[in-house]
Amino acid sequence: MSKKDDDDNRSRQLNPEHDAYWQSRGYDERPDDEDDE
């Protein structure tokens, strides 16, 4: 992986708008009620 790929992956994992954020925390996908708060 390139540095940019690493940075992009890290950004996705830190952003709750991305599925990668939830997958890195053990969820299969983003919970449906996440944006209701």
C-alpha atoms as a PDB file:
ATOM      1  CA  MET A   1       0.000   0.000   0.000  1.00  0.00           C
ATOM      2  CA  SER A   2       1.110   3.503  -0.679  1.00  0.00           C
ATOM      3  CA  LYS A   3       1.181   6.230   1.954  1.00  0.00           C
ATOM      4  CA  LYS A   4      -1.911   7.784   0.367  1.00  0.00           C
ATOM      5  CA  ASP A   5      -3.788   4.466   0.567  1.00  0.00           C
ATOM      6  CA  ASP A   6      -2.839   4.184   4.233  1.00  0.00           C
ATOM      7  CA  ASP A   7      -3.990   7.752   4.900  1.00  0.00           C
ATOM      8  CA  ASP A   8      -7.268   7.219   3.033  1.00  0.00           C
ATOM      9  CA  ASN A   9      -7.958   4.021   4.954  1.00  0.00           C
ATOM     10  CA  ARG A  10      -7.238   5.738   8.270  1.00  0.00           C
ATOM     11  CA  SER A  11      -9.527   8.631   7.362  1.00  0.00           C
ATOM     12  CA  ARG A  12     -12.349   6.254   6.472  1.00  0.00           C
ATOM     13  CA  GLN A  13     -11.933   4.361   9.734  1.00  0.00           C
ATOM     14  CA  LEU A  14     -12.149   7.606  11.727  1.00  0.00           C
ATOM     15  CA  ASN A  15     -15.247   8.903   9.913  1.00  0.00           C
ATOM     16  CA  PRO A  16     -18.601   7.498  11.086  1.00  0.00           C
ATOM     17  CA  GLU A  17     -20.073   8.313   7.664  1.00  0.00           C
ATOM     18  CA  HIS A  18     -18.002   5.455   6.171  1.00  0.00           C
ATOM     19  CA  ASP A  19     -18.734   1.742   6.518  1.00  0.00           C
ATOM     20  CA  ALA A  20     -15.025   1.205   7.268  1.00  0.00           C
ATOM     21  CA  TYR A  21     -15.484   3.110  10.546  1.00  0.00           C
ATOM     22  CA  TRP A  22     -18.086   0.616  11.739  1.00  0.00           C
ATOM     23  CA  GLN A  23     -16.352  -2.459  10.293  1.00  0.00           C
ATOM     24  CA  SER A  24     -13.147  -1.562  12.138  1.00  0.00           C
ATOM     25  CA  ARG A  25     -15.209  -1.518  15.350  1.00  0.00           C
ATOM     26  CA  GLY A  26     -16.714  -4.956  14.830  1.00  0.00           C
ATOM     27  CA  TYR A  27     -19.981  -4.039  13.121  1.00  0.00           C
ATOM     28  CA  ASP A  28     -20.999  -5.572   9.798  1.00  0.00           C
ATOM     29  CA  GLU A  29     -22.247  -2.219   8.581  1.00  0.00           C
ATOM     30  CA  ARG A  30     -23.331   1.196   9.797  1.00  0.00           C
ATOM     31  CA  PRO A  31     -26.192   0.972  12.314  1.00  0.00           C
ATOM     32  CA  ASP A  32     -29.493   2.312  10.966  1.00  0.00           C
ATOM     33  CA  ASP A  33     -30.098   4.602  13.944  1.00  0.00           C
ATOM     34  CA  GLU A  34     -26.651   6.213  13.962  1.00  0.00           C
ATOM     35  CA  ASP A  35     -27.810   9.435  12.277  1.00  0.00           C
ATOM     36  CA  ASP A  36     -30.923   9.844  14.452  1.00  0.00           C
ATOM     37  CA  GLU A  37     -29.019  11.389  17.369  1.00  0.00           C
END
